[in-house]
Amino acid sequence: MEVEIALLVDGVQRSLTVDTRTTLLDALRNRLEVTAPKKGCDHGQCGACTVLLEGRRVNSCLVLAVTQEGAEVTTAQGLGGGQELHPMQEAFLEKDGLQCGYCTPGQVCSAVGMLQEAAAGQPSLVTAIGSGTGTAAMELTDEEIRERMSGNLCRCGAYVNIVAAIREAINHDASTGNEVIREVAETVAAPGPDGSAGATS
């Protein structure tokens, strides 16, 4: 059975007819020719297909396209403004947070989504009790970053540089204009309870 749906993809309204069994990933890649999200495992285990769906990171290989009528989908192609790169994309380039590049679009989308989750106070498995969860952005240590990005695999093993790239984006100058990154950066740089600076390494 086929259904016509409309999606707002990277800021552009798109209409397409899909089989009800078609995943969002396949609809993007095969029907709309949006090739930033990659098909890796096709089982939601590698993160190469990560996109931002209504602002939240999801594995697009696990989402049926027909369930997302009218939804806003942002891929790595749509993160920047026109010819400008998103601060996270710039940081991945500056810190060599990639090797073959296959997983990079998913890594970048996941990193942006992860910062939004942290800014909203959503805890991870390693979040310390009483670190502002549920109310405000929390301190993002490297351990936090690694845990929050653990759903995105890099078969080349560029993990050290990926963490460095995310750290660079967090510590980026506030003039980037990216409110989420700026909010997290201010939290990370804020003095701790004992007067020491927040995590910056």
C-alpha atoms as a PDB file:
ATOM      1  CA  MET A   1       0.000   0.000   0.000  1.00  0.00           C
ATOM      2  CA  GLU A   2       1.297   3.442  -0.906  1.00  0.00           C
ATOM      3  CA  VAL A   3       0.605   6.733   0.851  1.00  0.00           C
ATOM      4  CA  GLU A   4       1.417  10.312  -0.091  1.00  0.00           C
ATOM      5  CA  ILE A   5       3.219  12.257   2.613  1.00  0.00           C
ATOM      6  CA  ALA A   6       4.811  15.659   3.014  1.00  0.00           C
ATOM      7  CA  LEU A   7       8.054  16.339   4.889  1.00  0.00           C
ATOM      8  CA  LEU A   8       9.988  19.495   5.614  1.00  0.00           C
ATOM      9  CA  VAL A   9      13.513  18.315   4.797  1.00  0.00           C
ATOM     10  CA  ASP A  10      16.405  20.663   5.500  1.00  0.00           C
ATOM     11  CA  GLY A  11      14.057  23.610   5.292  1.00  0.00           C
ATOM     12  CA  VAL A  12      12.446  22.572   1.979  1.00  0.00           C
ATOM     13  CA  GLN A  13       8.885  21.264   1.736  1.00  0.00           C
ATOM     14  CA  ARG A  14       8.907  17.899  -0.051  1.00  0.00           C
ATOM     15  CA  SER A  15       6.069  15.596  -1.107  1.00  0.00           C
ATOM     16  CA  LEU A  16       6.416  11.950  -2.034  1.00  0.00           C
ATOM     17  CA  THR A  17       4.508   8.711  -2.294  1.00  0.00           C
ATOM     18  CA  VAL A  18       5.919   5.841  -0.260  1.00  0.00           C
ATOM     19  CA  ASP A  19       5.083   2.269   0.550  1.00  0.00           C
ATOM     20  CA  THR A  20       3.879   2.050   4.137  1.00  0.00           C
ATOM     21  CA  ARG A  21       6.881  -0.169   4.916  1.00  0.00           C
ATOM     22  CA  THR A  22       9.448   2.419   3.746  1.00  0.00           C
ATOM     23  CA  THR A  23      11.772   3.746   6.416  1.00  0.00           C
ATOM     24  CA  LEU A  24      12.516   7.429   6.748  1.00  0.00           C
ATOM     25  CA  LEU A  25      16.121   6.662   5.778  1.00  0.00           C
ATOM     26  CA  ASP A  26      15.104   4.998   2.528  1.00  0.00           C
ATOM     27  CA  ALA A  27      12.600   7.748   1.765  1.00  0.00           C
ATOM     28  CA  LEU A  28      15.295  10.376   2.219  1.00  0.00           C
ATOM     29  CA  ARG A  29      18.018   8.595   0.279  1.00  0.00           C
ATOM     30  CA  ASN A  30      16.144   6.717  -2.435  1.00  0.00           C
ATOM     31  CA  ARG A  31      13.128   8.925  -3.045  1.00  0.00           C
ATOM     32  CA  LEU A  32      14.298  12.440  -2.193  1.00  0.00           C
ATOM     33  CA  GLU A  33      18.013  11.963  -3.007  1.00  0.00           C
ATOM     34  CA  VAL A  34      19.083  13.389   0.357  1.00  0.00           C
ATOM     35  CA  THR A  35      22.210  11.314   0.859  1.00  0.00           C
ATOM     36  CA  ALA A  36      23.743  12.762   4.044  1.00  0.00           C
ATOM     37  CA  PRO A  37      22.239  10.064   6.317  1.00  0.00           C
ATOM     38  CA  LYS A  38      23.990   6.797   5.547  1.00  0.00           C
ATOM     39  CA  LYS A  39      22.756   3.224   5.655  1.00  0.00           C
ATOM     40  CA  GLY A  40      25.143   1.381   7.907  1.00  0.00           C
ATOM     41  CA  CYS A  41      23.671  -1.513   9.874  1.00  0.00           C
ATOM     42  CA  ASP A  42      20.005  -0.819   8.988  1.00  0.00           C
ATOM     43  CA  HIS A  43      19.145  -2.048  12.508  1.00  0.00           C
ATOM     44  CA  GLY A  44      19.558   1.120  14.615  1.00  0.00           C
ATOM     45  CA  GLN A  45      22.878   0.009  16.050  1.00  0.00           C
ATOM     46  CA  CYS A  46      25.521   2.151  14.312  1.00  0.00           C
ATOM     47  CA  GLY A  47      24.055   5.667  14.165  1.00  0.00           C
ATOM     48  CA  ALA A  48      25.212   6.414  10.600  1.00  0.00           C
ATOM     49  CA  CYS A  49      21.612   7.288   9.675  1.00  0.00           C
ATOM     50  CA  THR A  50      21.072   9.763  12.544  1.00  0.00           C
ATOM     51  CA  VAL A  51      18.979  12.816  11.676  1.00  0.00           C
ATOM     52  CA  LEU A  52      17.173  15.433  13.723  1.00  0.00           C
ATOM     53  CA  LEU A  53      13.438  14.734  13.636  1.00  0.00           C
ATOM     54  CA  GLU A  54      11.465  17.670  15.036  1.00  0.00           C
ATOM     55  CA  GLY A  55      14.751  18.703  16.678  1.00  0.00           C
ATOM     56  CA  ARG A  56      15.451  15.354  18.350  1.00  0.00           C
ATOM     57  CA  ARG A  57      18.075  12.886  17.150  1.00  0.00           C
ATOM     58  CA  VAL A  58      16.724   9.597  15.828  1.00  0.00           C
ATOM     59  CA  ASN A  59      17.984   6.617  13.864  1.00  0.00           C
ATOM     60  CA  SER A  60      16.105   7.158  10.621  1.00  0.00           C
ATOM     61  CA  CYS A  61      16.401   3.466   9.687  1.00  0.00           C
ATOM     62  CA  LEU A  62      14.015   2.630  12.548  1.00  0.00           C
ATOM     63  CA  VAL A  63      11.307   5.190  11.693  1.00  0.00           C
ATOM     64  CA  LEU A  64       8.575   4.507   9.161  1.00  0.00           C
ATOM     65  CA  ALA A  65       8.223   7.456   6.805  1.00  0.00           C
ATOM     66  CA  VAL A  66       4.410   7.323   6.836  1.00  0.00           C
ATOM     67  CA  THR A  67       4.372   8.022  10.571  1.00  0.00           C
ATOM     68  CA  GLN A  68       6.074  11.366  10.036  1.00  0.00           C
ATOM     69  CA  GLU A  69       3.544  13.218   7.903  1.00  0.00           C
ATOM     70  CA  GLY A  70       4.323  16.932   8.100  1.00  0.00           C
ATOM     71  CA  ALA A  71       7.427  16.435  10.247  1.00  0.00           C
ATOM     72  CA  GLU A  72      10.572  18.535  10.088  1.00  0.00           C
ATOM     73  CA  VAL A  73      13.688  16.520   9.261  1.00  0.00           C
ATOM     74  CA  THR A  74      17.163  18.014   9.478  1.00  0.00           C
ATOM     75  CA  THR A  75      20.136  16.131   8.069  1.00  0.00           C
ATOM     76  CA  ALA A  76      23.794  17.124   8.166  1.00  0.00           C
ATOM     77  CA  GLN A  77      23.195  18.853   4.818  1.00  0.00           C
ATOM     78  CA  GLY A  78      20.691  21.214   6.399  1.00  0.00           C
ATOM     79  CA  LEU A  79      22.516  22.131   9.604  1.00  0.00           C
ATOM     80  CA  GLY A  80      24.479  25.082   8.266  1.00  0.00           C
ATOM     81  CA  GLY A  81      23.090  28.289   6.865  1.00  0.00           C
ATOM     82  CA  GLY A  82      23.413  28.274   3.091  1.00  0.00           C
ATOM     83  CA  GLN A  83      27.132  28.099   2.276  1.00  0.00           C
ATOM     84  CA  GLU A  84      28.123  28.410   5.940  1.00  0.00           C
ATOM     85  CA  LEU A  85      28.988  25.384   8.020  1.00  0.00           C
ATOM     86  CA  HIS A  86      27.365  24.707  11.366  1.00  0.00           C
ATOM     87  CA  PRO A  87      29.812  25.240  14.283  1.00  0.00           C
ATOM     88  CA  MET A  88      29.785  21.484  14.900  1.00  0.00           C
ATOM     89  CA  GLN A  89      30.727  20.789  11.299  1.00  0.00           C
ATOM     90  CA  GLU A  90      33.547  23.332  11.532  1.00  0.00           C
ATOM     91  CA  ALA A  91      34.796  21.691  14.717  1.00  0.00           C
ATOM     92  CA  PHE A  92      34.826  18.223  13.126  1.00  0.00           C
ATOM     93  CA  LEU A  93      36.940  19.599  10.283  1.00  0.00           C
ATOM     94  CA  GLU A  94      39.277  21.525  12.550  1.00  0.00           C
ATOM     95  CA  LYS A  95      39.885  18.598  14.911  1.00  0.00           C
ATOM     96  CA  ASP A  96      39.955  15.893  12.213  1.00  0.00           C
ATOM     97  CA  GLY A  97      36.956  14.186  13.789  1.00  0.00           C
ATOM     98  CA  LEU A  98      36.660  11.836  10.827  1.00  0.00           C
ATOM     99  CA  GLN A  99      38.631   9.459   8.659  1.00  0.00           C
ATOM    100  CA  CYS A 100      36.643   7.807   5.874  1.00  0.00           C
ATOM    101  CA  GLY A 101      33.736  10.160   6.591  1.00  0.00           C
ATOM    102  CA  TYR A 102      30.967   7.592   6.181  1.00  0.00           C
ATOM    103  CA  CYS A 103      29.655   7.964   9.737  1.00  0.00           C
ATOM    104  CA  THR A 104      30.371  11.703   9.976  1.00  0.00           C
ATOM    105  CA  PRO A 105      26.940  13.094   8.968  1.00  0.00           C
ATOM    106  CA  GLY A 106      25.311  10.915  11.622  1.00  0.00           C
ATOM    107  CA  GLN A 107      27.991  11.825  14.172  1.00  0.00           C
ATOM    108  CA  VAL A 108      27.455  15.550  13.557  1.00  0.00           C
ATOM    109  CA  CYS A 109      23.657  15.328  13.796  1.00  0.00           C
ATOM    110  CA  SER A 110      23.934  13.214  16.932  1.00  0.00           C
ATOM    111  CA  ALA A 111      26.378  15.679  18.511  1.00  0.00           C
ATOM    112  CA  VAL A 112      24.022  18.601  17.853  1.00  0.00           C
ATOM    113  CA  GLY A 113      21.087  16.644  19.262  1.00  0.00           C
ATOM    114  CA  MET A 114      23.161  15.579  22.250  1.00  0.00           C
ATOM    115  CA  LEU A 115      23.990  19.192  23.105  1.00  0.00           C
ATOM    116  CA  GLN A 116      20.308  20.082  22.932  1.00  0.00           C
ATOM    117  CA  GLU A 117      19.497  17.233  25.322  1.00  0.00           C
ATOM    118  CA  ALA A 118      22.214  18.372  27.725  1.00  0.00           C
ATOM    119  CA  ALA A 119      21.037  21.979  27.509  1.00  0.00           C
ATOM    120  CA  ALA A 120      17.549  20.771  28.447  1.00  0.00           C
ATOM    121  CA  GLY A 121      18.978  19.024  31.504  1.00  0.00           C
ATOM    122  CA  GLN A 122      18.384  15.474  30.286  1.00  0.00           C
ATOM    123  CA  PRO A 123      20.745  13.133  32.162  1.00  0.00           C
ATOM    124  CA  SER A 124      22.804  10.290  30.763  1.00  0.00           C
ATOM    125  CA  LEU A 125      23.905   7.054  32.396  1.00  0.00           C
ATOM    126  CA  VAL A 126      27.005   8.761  33.826  1.00  0.00           C
ATOM    127  CA  THR A 127      25.436  12.064  34.886  1.00  0.00           C
ATOM    128  CA  ALA A 128      26.249  12.894  38.493  1.00  0.00           C
ATOM    129  CA  ILE A 129      23.274  13.319  40.800  1.00  0.00           C
ATOM    130  CA  GLY A 130      22.501  16.977  41.443  1.00  0.00           C
ATOM    131  CA  SER A 131      24.175  18.343  38.301  1.00  0.00           C
ATOM    132  CA  GLY A 132      21.173  20.394  37.197  1.00  0.00           C
ATOM    133  CA  THR A 133      19.252  17.597  35.519  1.00  0.00           C
ATOM    134  CA  GLY A 134      15.775  18.478  34.409  1.00  0.00           C
ATOM    135  CA  THR A 135      16.229  22.201  34.900  1.00  0.00           C
ATOM    136  CA  ALA A 136      19.291  23.536  33.107  1.00  0.00           C
ATOM    137  CA  ALA A 137      22.302  22.654  31.027  1.00  0.00           C
ATOM    138  CA  MET A 138      24.760  20.428  32.819  1.00  0.00           C
ATOM    139  CA  GLU A 139      28.505  20.079  32.903  1.00  0.00           C
ATOM    140  CA  LEU A 140      29.616  18.080  29.886  1.00  0.00           C
ATOM    141  CA  THR A 141      32.777  16.220  30.810  1.00  0.00           C
ATOM    142  CA  ASP A 142      34.521  14.056  28.241  1.00  0.00           C
ATOM    143  CA  GLU A 143      32.981  11.037  29.967  1.00  0.00           C
ATOM    144  CA  GLU A 144      29.530  12.578  29.458  1.00  0.00           C
ATOM    145  CA  ILE A 145      30.274  13.262  25.801  1.00  0.00           C
ATOM    146  CA  ARG A 146      31.494   9.706  25.205  1.00  0.00           C
ATOM    147  CA  GLU A 147      28.450   8.197  26.897  1.00  0.00           C
ATOM    148  CA  ARG A 148      25.999  10.434  25.063  1.00  0.00           C
ATOM    149  CA  MET A 149      27.649   9.655  21.714  1.00  0.00           C
ATOM    150  CA  SER A 150      27.963   5.913  22.347  1.00  0.00           C
ATOM    151  CA  GLY A 151      25.178   5.098  19.895  1.00  0.00           C
ATOM    152  CA  ASN A 152      27.268   6.390  16.992  1.00  0.00           C
ATOM    153  CA  LEU A 153      29.967   4.001  15.858  1.00  0.00           C
ATOM    154  CA  CYS A 154      33.089   4.971  13.918  1.00  0.00           C
ATOM    155  CA  ARG A 155      34.612   1.955  12.244  1.00  0.00           C
ATOM    156  CA  CYS A 156      37.814   3.935  11.604  1.00  0.00           C
ATOM    157  CA  GLY A 157      38.201   4.581  15.334  1.00  0.00           C
ATOM    158  CA  ALA A 158      38.312   8.389  15.254  1.00  0.00           C
ATOM    159  CA  TYR A 159      36.701   8.603  18.684  1.00  0.00           C
ATOM    160  CA  VAL A 160      39.428  10.701  20.344  1.00  0.00           C
ATOM    161  CA  ASN A 161      39.127  13.367  17.668  1.00  0.00           C
ATOM    162  CA  ILE A 162      35.337  13.189  17.673  1.00  0.00           C
ATOM    163  CA  VAL A 163      35.297  13.995  21.397  1.00  0.00           C
ATOM    164  CA  ALA A 164      37.841  16.767  20.767  1.00  0.00           C
ATOM    165  CA  ALA A 165      35.635  18.174  18.000  1.00  0.00           C
ATOM    166  CA  ILE A 166      32.570  18.233  20.227  1.00  0.00           C
ATOM    167  CA  ARG A 167      34.623  19.834  22.997  1.00  0.00           C
ATOM    168  CA  GLU A 168      35.820  22.450  20.473  1.00  0.00           C
ATOM    169  CA  ALA A 169      32.224  23.200  19.463  1.00  0.00           C
ATOM    170  CA  ILE A 170      31.229  23.553  23.122  1.00  0.00           C
ATOM    171  CA  ASN A 171      34.119  25.910  23.824  1.00  0.00           C
ATOM    172  CA  HIS A 172      33.640  27.842  20.582  1.00  0.00           C
ATOM    173  CA  ASP A 173      33.434  31.611  20.839  1.00  0.00           C
ATOM    174  CA  ALA A 174      29.941  32.800  21.821  1.00  0.00           C
ATOM    175  CA  SER A 175      29.782  34.834  18.608  1.00  0.00           C
ATOM    176  CA  THR A 176      28.806  31.658  16.727  1.00  0.00           C
ATOM    177  CA  GLY A 177      25.221  32.593  17.389  1.00  0.00           C
ATOM    178  CA  ASN A 178      24.335  28.998  18.195  1.00  0.00           C
ATOM    179  CA  GLU A 179      22.261  29.329  21.354  1.00  0.00           C
ATOM    180  CA  VAL A 180      22.452  25.667  22.371  1.00  0.00           C
ATOM    181  CA  ILE A 181      26.223  25.462  22.020  1.00  0.00           C
ATOM    182  CA  ARG A 182      26.619  28.832  23.759  1.00  0.00           C
ATOM    183  CA  GLU A 183      24.392  27.756  26.651  1.00  0.00           C
ATOM    184  CA  VAL A 184      26.330  24.538  27.132  1.00  0.00           C
ATOM    185  CA  ALA A 185      29.650  26.377  26.786  1.00  0.00           C
ATOM    186  CA  GLU A 186      28.662  28.855  29.493  1.00  0.00           C
ATOM    187  CA  THR A 187      27.672  26.002  31.793  1.00  0.00           C
ATOM    188  CA  VAL A 188      30.911  24.119  31.182  1.00  0.00           C
ATOM    189  CA  ALA A 189      32.960  27.241  31.830  1.00  0.00           C
ATOM    190  CA  ALA A 190      31.006  28.222  34.938  1.00  0.00           C
ATOM    191  CA  PRO A 191      32.773  27.824  38.310  1.00  0.00           C
ATOM    192  CA  GLY A 192      31.951  24.678  40.222  1.00  0.00           C
ATOM    193  CA  PRO A 193      30.620  24.554  43.809  1.00  0.00           C
ATOM    194  CA  ASP A 194      34.183  24.684  45.164  1.00  0.00           C
ATOM    195  CA  GLY A 195      35.057  27.730  43.047  1.00  0.00           C
ATOM    196  CA  SER A 196      37.024  25.768  40.465  1.00  0.00           C
ATOM    197  CA  ALA A 197      36.321  26.116  36.764  1.00  0.00           C
ATOM    198  CA  GLY A 198      34.019  23.663  35.008  1.00  0.00           C
ATOM    199  CA  ALA A 199      35.343  20.852  32.871  1.00  0.00           C
ATOM    200  CA  THR A 200      37.317  22.140  29.907  1.00  0.00           C
ATOM    201  CA  SER A 201      39.606  19.244  29.063  1.00  0.00           C
END
